[in-house]
Amino acid sequence: MIRYTPLLDLTEFFFGRFDHPGEEHHHDPKLEVTSEYSVSRVEKGKFSLEIEGGLWELGPGHYFLNCAGMEYRCRHFELVPTDVCVSINYVASANSPEQTDRFERAAR
């Protein structure tokens, strides 16, 4: 299970914390699809991130970007993951197509 704790919600952006609560075993989905644009930072723990055949191991201090519609897979090394990430998400639906296009170009 993944828990999201909102820290700040604005019209165009929201900022929050992702972690895995309690002692529940976590099952990584085979595929996930991002619904928004975001920049995330790993604060604690580690996991691997697979995108289009590339595989990265992420740990404290690493950043990663998500673009709306991006397919990816996370793999955790523990049955009860201890990773914590903070994320700033861009709400594309609250903005013009030009602003969204500018964000996509900056993320590449």
PDB file of N, CA and C in Angstrom:
ATOM      1  N   MET A   1       0.830  -1.166   0.000  1.00  0.00           N
ATOM      2  CA  MET A   1       0.000   0.000   0.000  1.00  0.00           C
ATOM      3  C   MET A   1       0.885   1.243   0.000  1.00  0.00           C
ATOM      4  N   ILE A   2       0.457   2.260  -0.754  1.00  0.00           N
ATOM      5  CA  ILE A   2       1.158   3.538  -0.791  1.00  0.00           C
ATOM      6  C   ILE A   2       0.253   4.586  -0.154  1.00  0.00           C
ATOM      7  N   ARG A   3       0.849   5.403   0.712  1.00  0.00           N
ATOM      8  CA  ARG A   3       0.085   6.467   1.370  1.00  0.00           C
ATOM      9  C   ARG A   3       0.593   7.810   0.846  1.00  0.00           C
ATOM     10  N   TYR A   4      -0.345   8.693   0.538  1.00  0.00           N
ATOM     11  CA  TYR A   4      -0.019  10.056   0.130  1.00  0.00           C
ATOM     12  C   TYR A   4      -0.516  11.019   1.194  1.00  0.00           C
ATOM     13  N   THR A   5       0.364  11.895   1.672  1.00  0.00           N
ATOM     14  CA  THR A   5       0.003  12.907   2.657  1.00  0.00           C
ATOM     15  C   THR A   5       0.191  14.273   2.016  1.00  0.00           C
ATOM     16  N   PRO A   6      -0.904  15.006   1.783  1.00  0.00           N
ATOM     17  CA  PRO A   6      -0.753  16.340   1.189  1.00  0.00           C
ATOM     18  C   PRO A   6      -0.080  17.296   2.169  1.00  0.00           C
ATOM     19  N   LEU A   7       0.845  18.112   1.653  1.00  0.00           N
ATOM     20  CA  LEU A   7       1.519  19.100   2.473  1.00  0.00           C
ATOM     21  C   LEU A   7       1.126  20.524   2.080  1.00  0.00           C
ATOM     22  N   LEU A   8       0.808  20.732   0.789  1.00  0.00           N
ATOM     23  CA  LEU A   8       0.391  22.043   0.288  1.00  0.00           C
ATOM     24  C   LEU A   8      -0.357  21.835  -1.012  1.00  0.00           C
ATOM     25  N   ASP A   9      -1.557  22.384  -1.115  1.00  0.00           N
ATOM     26  CA  ASP A   9      -2.352  22.291  -2.339  1.00  0.00           C
ATOM     27  C   ASP A   9      -2.642  23.685  -2.858  1.00  0.00           C
ATOM     28  N   LEU A  10      -2.229  23.943  -4.108  1.00  0.00           N
ATOM     29  CA  LEU A  10      -2.502  25.195  -4.792  1.00  0.00           C
ATOM     30  C   LEU A  10      -3.254  24.877  -6.079  1.00  0.00           C
ATOM     31  N   THR A  11      -3.684  25.897  -6.801  1.00  0.00           N
ATOM     32  CA  THR A  11      -4.429  25.678  -8.042  1.00  0.00           C
ATOM     33  C   THR A  11      -3.592  24.933  -9.073  1.00  0.00           C
ATOM     34  N   GLU A  12      -2.354  25.347  -9.265  1.00  0.00           N
ATOM     35  CA  GLU A  12      -1.507  24.780 -10.312  1.00  0.00           C
ATOM     36  C   GLU A  12      -0.577  23.665  -9.837  1.00  0.00           C
ATOM     37  N   PHE A  13      -0.264  23.637  -8.553  1.00  0.00           N
ATOM     38  CA  PHE A  13       0.681  22.672  -8.014  1.00  0.00           C
ATOM     39  C   PHE A  13       0.159  22.080  -6.717  1.00  0.00           C
ATOM     40  N   PHE A  14       0.588  20.849  -6.425  1.00  0.00           N
ATOM     41  CA  PHE A  14       0.390  20.326  -5.080  1.00  0.00           C
ATOM     42  C   PHE A  14       1.656  19.605  -4.657  1.00  0.00           C
ATOM     43  N   PHE A  15       1.917  19.667  -3.380  1.00  0.00           N
ATOM     44  CA  PHE A  15       3.153  19.158  -2.807  1.00  0.00           C
ATOM     45  C   PHE A  15       2.772  18.147  -1.741  1.00  0.00           C
ATOM     46  N   GLY A  16       3.409  16.964  -1.771  1.00  0.00           N
ATOM     47  CA  GLY A  16       3.043  15.945  -0.796  1.00  0.00           C
ATOM     48  C   GLY A  16       4.140  14.933  -0.547  1.00  0.00           C
ATOM     49  N   ARG A  17       3.825  14.002   0.327  1.00  0.00           N
ATOM     50  CA  ARG A  17       4.760  12.972   0.782  1.00  0.00           C
ATOM     51  C   ARG A  17       4.167  11.600   0.498  1.00  0.00           C
ATOM     52  N   PHE A  18       4.969  10.718  -0.073  1.00  0.00           N
ATOM     53  CA  PHE A  18       4.573   9.337  -0.331  1.00  0.00           C
ATOM     54  C   PHE A  18       5.376   8.420   0.572  1.00  0.00           C
ATOM     55  N   ASP A  19       4.696   7.452   1.185  1.00  0.00           N
ATOM     56  CA  ASP A  19       5.382   6.432   1.975  1.00  0.00           C
ATOM     57  C   ASP A  19       4.520   5.179   2.024  1.00  0.00           C
ATOM     58  N   HIS A  20       4.956   4.207   2.796  1.00  0.00           N
ATOM     59  CA  HIS A  20       4.247   2.929   2.938  1.00  0.00           C
ATOM     60  C   HIS A  20       3.919   2.745   4.414  1.00  0.00           C
ATOM     61  N   PRO A  21       2.644   2.807   4.770  1.00  0.00           N
ATOM     62  CA  PRO A  21       2.281   2.787   6.188  1.00  0.00           C
ATOM     63  C   PRO A  21       2.392   1.413   6.839  1.00  0.00           C
ATOM     64  N   GLY A  22       2.650   1.446   8.125  1.00  0.00           N
ATOM     65  CA  GLY A  22       2.544   0.257   8.967  1.00  0.00           C
ATOM     66  C   GLY A  22       3.374  -0.929   8.547  1.00  0.00           C
ATOM     67  N   GLU A  23       2.836  -2.084   8.820  1.00  0.00           N
ATOM     68  CA  GLU A  23       3.525  -3.345   8.591  1.00  0.00           C
ATOM     69  C   GLU A  23       2.912  -4.149   7.450  1.00  0.00           C
ATOM     70  N   GLU A  24       2.107  -3.508   6.609  1.00  0.00           N
ATOM     71  CA  GLU A  24       1.463  -4.221   5.507  1.00  0.00           C
ATOM     72  C   GLU A  24       2.473  -4.579   4.422  1.00  0.00           C
ATOM     73  N   HIS A  25       2.360  -5.783   3.875  1.00  0.00           N
ATOM     74  CA  HIS A  25       3.199  -6.173   2.753  1.00  0.00           C
ATOM     75  C   HIS A  25       2.765  -5.389   1.532  1.00  0.00           C
ATOM     76  N   HIS A  26       3.738  -4.973   0.760  1.00  0.00           N
ATOM     77  CA  HIS A  26       3.479  -4.172  -0.437  1.00  0.00           C
ATOM     78  C   HIS A  26       3.673  -5.041  -1.676  1.00  0.00           C
ATOM     79  N   HIS A  27       2.790  -4.902  -2.630  1.00  0.00           N
ATOM     80  CA  HIS A  27       2.900  -5.616  -3.909  1.00  0.00           C
ATOM     81  C   HIS A  27       3.033  -4.585  -5.013  1.00  0.00           C
ATOM     82  N   ASP A  28       4.191  -4.571  -5.673  1.00  0.00           N
ATOM     83  CA  ASP A  28       4.423  -3.606  -6.742  1.00  0.00           C
ATOM     84  C   ASP A  28       3.579  -3.943  -7.966  1.00  0.00           C
ATOM     85  N   PRO A  29       2.840  -2.964  -8.497  1.00  0.00           N
ATOM     86  CA  PRO A  29       2.098  -3.207  -9.734  1.00  0.00           C
ATOM     87  C   PRO A  29       3.064  -3.498 -10.879  1.00  0.00           C
ATOM     88  N   LYS A  30       2.623  -4.275 -11.862  1.00  0.00           N
ATOM     89  CA  LYS A  30       3.479  -4.575 -13.012  1.00  0.00           C
ATOM     90  C   LYS A  30       3.704  -3.341 -13.868  1.00  0.00           C
ATOM     91  N   LEU A  31       2.732  -2.425 -13.876  1.00  0.00           N
ATOM     92  CA  LEU A  31       2.849  -1.211 -14.674  1.00  0.00           C
ATOM     93  C   LEU A  31       2.012  -0.113 -14.033  1.00  0.00           C
ATOM     94  N   GLU A  32       2.564   1.080 -14.006  1.00  0.00           N
ATOM     95  CA  GLU A  32       1.830   2.248 -13.527  1.00  0.00           C
ATOM     96  C   GLU A  32       1.896   3.318 -14.599  1.00  0.00           C
ATOM     97  N   VAL A  33       0.891   4.185 -14.650  1.00  0.00           N
ATOM     98  CA  VAL A  33       0.840   5.279 -15.618  1.00  0.00           C
ATOM     99  C   VAL A  33       0.651   6.578 -14.843  1.00  0.00           C
ATOM    100  N   THR A  34       1.525   7.530 -15.086  1.00  0.00           N
ATOM    101  CA  THR A  34       1.460   8.814 -14.406  1.00  0.00           C
ATOM    102  C   THR A  34       0.345   9.664 -15.002  1.00  0.00           C
ATOM    103  N   SER A  35      -0.441  10.294 -14.143  1.00  0.00           N
ATOM    104  CA  SER A  35      -1.538  11.126 -14.619  1.00  0.00           C
ATOM    105  C   SER A  35      -1.183  12.615 -14.660  1.00  0.00           C
ATOM    106  N   GLU A  36      -0.042  12.997 -14.069  1.00  0.00           N
ATOM    107  CA  GLU A  36       0.352  14.404 -14.077  1.00  0.00           C
ATOM    108  C   GLU A  36       1.865  14.519 -14.224  1.00  0.00           C
ATOM    109  N   TYR A  37       2.325  15.731 -14.273  1.00  0.00           N
ATOM    110  CA  TYR A  37       3.746  16.036 -14.336  1.00  0.00           C
ATOM    111  C   TYR A  37       4.233  16.251 -12.910  1.00  0.00           C
ATOM    112  N   SER A  38       5.403  15.683 -12.583  1.00  0.00           N
ATOM    113  CA  SER A  38       5.897  15.859 -11.216  1.00  0.00           C
ATOM    114  C   SER A  38       7.415  15.740 -11.146  1.00  0.00           C
ATOM    115  N   VAL A  39       7.942  16.311 -10.078  1.00  0.00           N
ATOM    116  CA  VAL A  39       9.343  16.151  -9.709  1.00  0.00           C
ATOM    117  C   VAL A  39       9.319  15.568  -8.306  1.00  0.00           C
ATOM    118  N   SER A  40       9.990  14.442  -8.119  1.00  0.00           N
ATOM    119  CA  SER A  40      10.003  13.771  -6.813  1.00  0.00           C
ATOM    120  C   SER A  40      11.438  13.599  -6.334  1.00  0.00           C
ATOM    121  N   ARG A  41      11.594  13.608  -5.021  1.00  0.00           N
ATOM    122  CA  ARG A  41      12.902  13.393  -4.402  1.00  0.00           C
ATOM    123  C   ARG A  41      12.777  12.267  -3.390  1.00  0.00           C
ATOM    124  N   VAL A  42      13.708  11.322  -3.457  1.00  0.00           N
ATOM    125  CA  VAL A  42      13.733  10.227  -2.490  1.00  0.00           C
ATOM    126  C   VAL A  42      14.383  10.765  -1.210  1.00  0.00           C
ATOM    127  N   GLU A  43      13.656  10.674  -0.120  1.00  0.00           N
ATOM    128  CA  GLU A  43      14.134  11.157   1.170  1.00  0.00           C
ATOM    129  C   GLU A  43      14.746  10.037   2.010  1.00  0.00           C
ATOM    130  N   LYS A  44      14.200   8.822   1.857  1.00  0.00           N
ATOM    131  CA  LYS A  44      14.613   7.695   2.706  1.00  0.00           C
ATOM    132  C   LYS A  44      14.360   6.402   1.938  1.00  0.00           C
ATOM    133  N   GLY A  45      15.139   5.369   2.241  1.00  0.00           N
ATOM    134  CA  GLY A  45      14.927   4.057   1.623  1.00  0.00           C
ATOM    135  C   GLY A  45      15.448   3.997   0.206  1.00  0.00           C
ATOM    136  N   LYS A  46      15.092   2.905  -0.484  1.00  0.00           N
ATOM    137  CA  LYS A  46      15.520   2.755  -1.877  1.00  0.00           C
ATOM    138  C   LYS A  46      14.547   1.852  -2.617  1.00  0.00           C
ATOM    139  N   PHE A  47      14.544   1.983  -3.939  1.00  0.00           N
ATOM    140  CA  PHE A  47      13.727   1.169  -4.832  1.00  0.00           C
ATOM    141  C   PHE A  47      14.289   1.317  -6.230  1.00  0.00           C
ATOM    142  N   SER A  48      13.874   0.455  -7.129  1.00  0.00           N
ATOM    143  CA  SER A  48      14.301   0.592  -8.518  1.00  0.00           C
ATOM    144  C   SER A  48      13.142   1.138  -9.334  1.00  0.00           C
ATOM    145  N   LEU A  49      13.490   1.840 -10.398  1.00  0.00           N
ATOM    146  CA  LEU A  49      12.523   2.458 -11.288  1.00  0.00           C
ATOM    147  C   LEU A  49      12.845   2.019 -12.705  1.00  0.00           C
ATOM    148  N   GLU A  50      11.863   1.412 -13.372  1.00  0.00           N
ATOM    149  CA  GLU A  50      12.045   0.935 -14.736  1.00  0.00           C
ATOM    150  C   GLU A  50      11.166   1.760 -15.668  1.00  0.00           C
ATOM    151  N   ILE A  51      11.803   2.363 -16.684  1.00  0.00           N
ATOM    152  CA  ILE A  51      11.097   3.168 -17.675  1.00  0.00           C
ATOM    153  C   ILE A  51      11.651   2.816 -19.048  1.00  0.00           C
ATOM    154  N   GLU A  52      10.776   2.379 -19.950  1.00  0.00           N
ATOM    155  CA  GLU A  52      11.142   2.063 -21.334  1.00  0.00           C
ATOM    156  C   GLU A  52      12.413   1.227 -21.431  1.00  0.00           C
ATOM    157  N   GLY A  53      12.527   0.197 -20.622  1.00  0.00           N
ATOM    158  CA  GLY A  53      13.660  -0.719 -20.688  1.00  0.00           C
ATOM    159  C   GLY A  53      14.870  -0.283 -19.879  1.00  0.00           C
ATOM    160  N   GLY A  54      14.901   0.969 -19.418  1.00  0.00           N
ATOM    161  CA  GLY A  54      15.993   1.437 -18.572  1.00  0.00           C
ATOM    162  C   GLY A  54      15.671   1.137 -17.119  1.00  0.00           C
ATOM    163  N   LEU A  55      16.693   0.847 -16.326  1.00  0.00           N
ATOM    164  CA  LEU A  55      16.495   0.499 -14.921  1.00  0.00           C
ATOM    165  C   LEU A  55      17.456   1.310 -14.061  1.00  0.00           C
ATOM    166  N   TRP A  56      16.910   2.012 -13.056  1.00  0.00           N
ATOM    167  CA  TRP A  56      17.693   2.825 -12.152  1.00  0.00           C
ATOM    168  C   TRP A  56      17.381   2.442 -10.721  1.00  0.00           C
ATOM    169  N   GLU A  57      18.412   2.414  -9.878  1.00  0.00           N
ATOM    170  CA  GLU A  57      18.199   2.218  -8.451  1.00  0.00           C
ATOM    171  C   GLU A  57      18.251   3.601  -7.797  1.00  0.00           C
ATOM    172  N   LEU A  58      17.178   3.941  -7.101  1.00  0.00           N
ATOM    173  CA  LEU A  58      17.069   5.263  -6.488  1.00  0.00           C
ATOM    174  C   LEU A  58      17.157   5.158  -4.974  1.00  0.00           C
ATOM    175  N   GLY A  59      17.810   6.136  -4.370  1.00  0.00           N
ATOM    176  CA  GLY A  59      17.938   6.196  -2.921  1.00  0.00           C
ATOM    177  C   GLY A  59      17.937   7.642  -2.470  1.00  0.00           C
ATOM    178  N   PRO A  60      18.202   7.887  -1.190  1.00  0.00           N
ATOM    179  CA  PRO A  60      18.144   9.237  -0.649  1.00  0.00           C
ATOM    180  C   PRO A  60      18.948  10.245  -1.481  1.00  0.00           C
ATOM    181  N   GLY A  61      18.290  11.364  -1.781  1.00  0.00           N
ATOM    182  CA  GLY A  61      18.924  12.424  -2.555  1.00  0.00           C
ATOM    183  C   GLY A  61      18.687  12.347  -4.049  1.00  0.00           C
ATOM    184  N   HIS A  62      18.178  11.230  -4.552  1.00  0.00           N
ATOM    185  CA  HIS A  62      17.893  11.118  -5.979  1.00  0.00           C
ATOM    186  C   HIS A  62      16.572  11.795  -6.326  1.00  0.00           C
ATOM    187  N   TYR A  63      16.527  12.388  -7.522  1.00  0.00           N
ATOM    188  CA  TYR A  63      15.317  13.016  -8.050  1.00  0.00           C
ATOM    189  C   TYR A  63      14.850  12.231  -9.263  1.00  0.00           C
ATOM    190  N   PHE A  64      13.544  12.269  -9.529  1.00  0.00           N
ATOM    191  CA  PHE A  64      13.033  11.718 -10.777  1.00  0.00           C
ATOM    192  C   PHE A  64      11.830  12.516 -11.245  1.00  0.00           C
ATOM    193  N   LEU A  65      11.677  12.586 -12.575  1.00  0.00           N
ATOM    194  CA  LEU A  65      10.603  13.339 -13.215  1.00  0.00           C
ATOM    195  C   LEU A  65       9.569  12.381 -13.780  1.00  0.00           C
ATOM    196  N   ASN A  66       8.323  12.780 -13.712  1.00  0.00           N
ATOM    197  CA  ASN A  66       7.233  12.049 -14.361  1.00  0.00           C
ATOM    198  C   ASN A  66       6.511  12.995 -15.301  1.00  0.00           C
ATOM    199  N   CYS A  67       6.175  12.522 -16.476  1.00  0.00           N
ATOM    200  CA  CYS A  67       5.371  13.284 -17.428  1.00  0.00           C
ATOM    201  C   CYS A  67       4.036  12.572 -17.579  1.00  0.00           C
ATOM    202  N   ALA A  68       2.966  13.331 -17.738  1.00  0.00           N
ATOM    203  CA  ALA A  68       1.629  12.745 -17.869  1.00  0.00           C
ATOM    204  C   ALA A  68       1.623  11.683 -18.975  1.00  0.00           C
ATOM    205  N   GLY A  69       1.074  10.527 -18.655  1.00  0.00           N
ATOM    206  CA  GLY A  69       0.989   9.423 -19.608  1.00  0.00           C
ATOM    207  C   GLY A  69       2.197   8.499 -19.607  1.00  0.00           C
ATOM    208  N   MET A  70       3.229   8.825 -18.841  1.00  0.00           N
ATOM    209  CA  MET A  70       4.434   8.000 -18.800  1.00  0.00           C
ATOM    210  C   MET A  70       4.147   6.672 -18.096  1.00  0.00           C
ATOM    211  N   GLU A  71       4.621   5.593 -18.685  1.00  0.00           N
ATOM    212  CA  GLU A  71       4.475   4.261 -18.088  1.00  0.00           C
ATOM    213  C   GLU A  71       5.776   3.895 -17.389  1.00  0.00           C
ATOM    214  N   TYR A  72       5.661   3.323 -16.201  1.00  0.00           N
ATOM    215  CA  TYR A  72       6.845   2.970 -15.427  1.00  0.00           C
ATOM    216  C   TYR A  72       6.510   1.830 -14.469  1.00  0.00           C
ATOM    217  N   ARG A  73       7.571   1.292 -13.861  1.00  0.00           N
ATOM    218  CA  ARG A  73       7.399   0.255 -12.848  1.00  0.00           C
ATOM    219  C   ARG A  73       8.393   0.490 -11.726  1.00  0.00           C
ATOM    220  N   CYS A  74       7.896   0.472 -10.504  1.00  0.00           N
ATOM    221  CA  CYS A  74       8.752   0.550  -9.315  1.00  0.00           C
ATOM    222  C   CYS A  74       8.881  -0.851  -8.738  1.00  0.00           C
ATOM    223  N   ARG A  75      10.080  -1.163  -8.253  1.00  0.00           N
ATOM    224  CA  ARG A  75      10.313  -2.445  -7.582  1.00  0.00           C
ATOM    225  C   ARG A  75      11.000  -2.165  -6.264  1.00  0.00           C
ATOM    226  N   HIS A  76      10.398  -2.681  -5.216  1.00  0.00           N
ATOM    227  CA  HIS A  76      10.955  -2.494  -3.878  1.00  0.00           C
ATOM    228  C   HIS A  76      11.744  -3.729  -3.466  1.00  0.00           C
ATOM    229  N   PHE A  77      12.720  -3.522  -2.615  1.00  0.00           N
ATOM    230  CA  PHE A  77      13.616  -4.593  -2.183  1.00  0.00           C
ATOM    231  C   PHE A  77      13.152  -5.249  -0.890  1.00  0.00           C
ATOM    232  N   GLU A  78      12.063  -4.726  -0.302  1.00  0.00           N
ATOM    233  CA  GLU A  78      11.564  -5.211   0.984  1.00  0.00           C
ATOM    234  C   GLU A  78      10.080  -5.551   0.870  1.00  0.00           C
ATOM    235  N   LEU A  79       9.598  -6.478   1.661  1.00  0.00           N
ATOM    236  CA  LEU A  79       8.160  -6.774   1.699  1.00  0.00           C
ATOM    237  C   LEU A  79       7.375  -5.604   2.282  1.00  0.00           C
ATOM    238  N   VAL A  80       7.971  -4.936   3.264  1.00  0.00           N
ATOM    239  CA  VAL A  80       7.376  -3.732   3.842  1.00  0.00           C
ATOM    240  C   VAL A  80       8.354  -2.591   3.537  1.00  0.00           C
ATOM    241  N   PRO A  81       8.149  -1.872   2.417  1.00  0.00           N
ATOM    242  CA  PRO A  81       9.100  -0.835   2.001  1.00  0.00           C
ATOM    243  C   PRO A  81       9.209   0.300   3.022  1.00  0.00           C
ATOM    244  N   THR A  82      10.410   0.861   3.091  1.00  0.00           N
ATOM    245  CA  THR A  82      10.662   1.970   4.012  1.00  0.00           C
ATOM    246  C   THR A  82      10.948   3.273   3.271  1.00  0.00           C
ATOM    247  N   ASP A  83      10.791   3.279   1.939  1.00  0.00           N
ATOM    248  CA  ASP A  83      11.110   4.491   1.201  1.00  0.00           C
ATOM    249  C   ASP A  83      10.078   5.591   1.447  1.00  0.00           C
ATOM    250  N   VAL A  84      10.583   6.818   1.386  1.00  0.00           N
ATOM    251  CA  VAL A  84       9.764   8.016   1.526  1.00  0.00           C
ATOM    252  C   VAL A  84      10.181   8.972   0.417  1.00  0.00           C
ATOM    253  N   CYS A  85       9.206   9.523  -0.290  1.00  0.00           N
ATOM    254  CA  CYS A  85       9.474  10.498  -1.341  1.00  0.00           C
ATOM    255  C   CYS A  85       8.610  11.730  -1.114  1.00  0.00           C
ATOM    256  N   VAL A  86       9.149  12.886  -1.486  1.00  0.00           N
ATOM    257  CA  VAL A  86       8.338  14.101  -1.534  1.00  0.00           C
ATOM    258  C   VAL A  86       8.208  14.482  -2.999  1.00  0.00           C
ATOM    259  N   SER A  87       7.056  15.052  -3.348  1.00  0.00           N
ATOM    260  CA  SER A  87       6.763  15.294  -4.746  1.00  0.00           C
ATOM    261  C   SER A  87       6.049  16.627  -4.931  1.00  0.00           C
ATOM    262  N   ILE A  88       6.439  17.334  -5.986  1.00  0.00           N
ATOM    263  CA  ILE A  88       5.724  18.531  -6.425  1.00  0.00           C
ATOM    264  C   ILE A  88       5.062  18.160  -7.743  1.00  0.00           C
ATOM    265  N   ASN A  89       3.743  18.229  -7.776  1.00  0.00           N
ATOM    266  CA  ASN A  89       2.976  17.828  -8.958  1.00  0.00           C
ATOM    267  C   ASN A  89       2.350  19.045  -9.620  1.00  0.00           C
ATOM    268  N   TYR A  90       2.436  19.074 -10.936  1.00  0.00           N
ATOM    269  CA  TYR A  90       1.897  20.150 -11.753  1.00  0.00           C
ATOM    270  C   TYR A  90       0.536  19.708 -12.279  1.00  0.00           C
ATOM    271  N   VAL A  91      -0.491  20.507 -12.039  1.00  0.00           N
ATOM    272  CA  VAL A  91      -1.849  20.167 -12.461  1.00  0.00           C
ATOM    273  C   VAL A  91      -2.077  20.760 -13.845  1.00  0.00           C
ATOM    274  N   ALA A  92      -1.860  19.960 -14.882  1.00  0.00           N
ATOM    275  CA  ALA A  92      -1.956  20.444 -16.260  1.00  0.00           C
ATOM    276  C   ALA A  92      -3.349  20.935 -16.593  1.00  0.00           C
ATOM    277  N   SER A  93      -4.380  20.317 -16.048  1.00  0.00           N
ATOM    278  CA  SER A  93      -5.749  20.709 -16.372  1.00  0.00           C
ATOM    279  C   SER A  93      -6.074  22.114 -15.877  1.00  0.00           C
ATOM    280  N   ALA A  94      -5.290  22.648 -14.943  1.00  0.00           N
ATOM    281  CA  ALA A  94      -5.527  23.994 -14.428  1.00  0.00           C
ATOM    282  C   ALA A  94      -4.814  25.056 -15.256  1.00  0.00           C
ATOM    283  N   ASN A  95      -4.119  24.640 -16.305  1.00  0.00           N
ATOM    284  CA  ASN A  95      -3.298  25.552 -17.080  1.00  0.00           C
ATOM    285  C   ASN A  95      -3.577  25.457 -18.564  1.00  0.00           C
ATOM    286  N   SER A  96      -3.056  26.424 -19.288  1.00  0.00           N
ATOM    287  CA  SER A  96      -3.242  26.467 -20.729  1.00  0.00           C
ATOM    288  C   SER A  96      -2.369  25.417 -21.413  1.00  0.00           C
ATOM    289  N   PRO A  97      -2.716  25.035 -22.640  1.00  0.00           N
ATOM    290  CA  PRO A  97      -1.870  24.093 -23.388  1.00  0.00           C
ATOM    291  C   PRO A  97      -0.440  24.616 -23.561  1.00  0.00           C
ATOM    292  N   GLU A  98      -0.274  25.926 -23.673  1.00  0.00           N
ATOM    293  CA  GLU A  98       1.063  26.504 -23.836  1.00  0.00           C
ATOM    294  C   GLU A  98       1.909  26.272 -22.593  1.00  0.00           C
ATOM    295  N   GLN A  99       1.315  26.434 -21.411  1.00  0.00           N
ATOM    296  CA  GLN A  99       2.057  26.195 -20.170  1.00  0.00           C
ATOM    297  C   GLN A  99       2.433  24.723 -20.040  1.00  0.00           C
ATOM    298  N   THR A 100       1.514  23.836 -20.385  1.00  0.00           N
ATOM    299  CA  THR A 100       1.786  22.408 -20.329  1.00  0.00           C
ATOM    300  C   THR A 100       2.900  22.033 -21.295  1.00  0.00           C
ATOM    301  N   ASP A 101       2.870  22.595 -22.506  1.00  0.00           N
ATOM    302  CA  ASP A 101       3.904  22.335 -23.502  1.00  0.00           C
ATOM    303  C   ASP A 101       5.263  22.815 -23.002  1.00  0.00           C
ATOM    304  N   ARG A 102       5.309  23.964 -22.359  1.00  0.00           N
ATOM    305  CA  ARG A 102       6.553  24.492 -21.802  1.00  0.00           C
ATOM    306  C   ARG A 102       7.115  23.553 -20.737  1.00  0.00           C
ATOM    307  N   PHE A 103       6.245  23.002 -19.885  1.00  0.00           N
ATOM    308  CA  PHE A 103       6.689  22.062 -18.848  1.00  0.00           C
ATOM    309  C   PHE A 103       7.260  20.804 -19.484  1.00  0.00           C
ATOM    310  N   GLU A 104       6.576  20.270 -20.508  1.00  0.00           N
ATOM    311  CA  GLU A 104       7.071  19.059 -21.173  1.00  0.00           C
ATOM    312  C   GLU A 104       8.438  19.279 -21.783  1.00  0.00           C
ATOM    313  N   ARG A 105       8.662  20.421 -22.419  1.00  0.00           N
ATOM    314  CA  ARG A 105       9.965  20.716 -23.015  1.00  0.00           C
ATOM    315  C   ARG A 105      11.044  20.824 -21.938  1.00  0.00           C
ATOM    316  N   ALA A 106      10.711  21.433 -20.805  1.00  0.00           N
ATOM    317  CA  ALA A 106      11.685  21.583 -19.721  1.00  0.00           C
ATOM    318  C   ALA A 106      12.041  20.242 -19.103  1.00  0.00           C
ATOM    319  N   ALA A 107      11.105  19.283 -19.095  1.00  0.00           N
ATOM    320  CA  ALA A 107      11.347  17.971 -18.475  1.00  0.00           C
ATOM    321  C   ALA A 107      12.213  17.077 -19.353  1.00  0.00           C
ATOM    322  N   ARG A 108      12.392  17.426 -20.591  1.00  0.00           N
ATOM    323  CA  ARG A 108      13.195  16.575 -21.495  1.00  0.00           C
ATOM    324  C   ARG A 108      14.615  16.888 -21.414  1.00  0.00           C
TER     325      ARG A 108
END
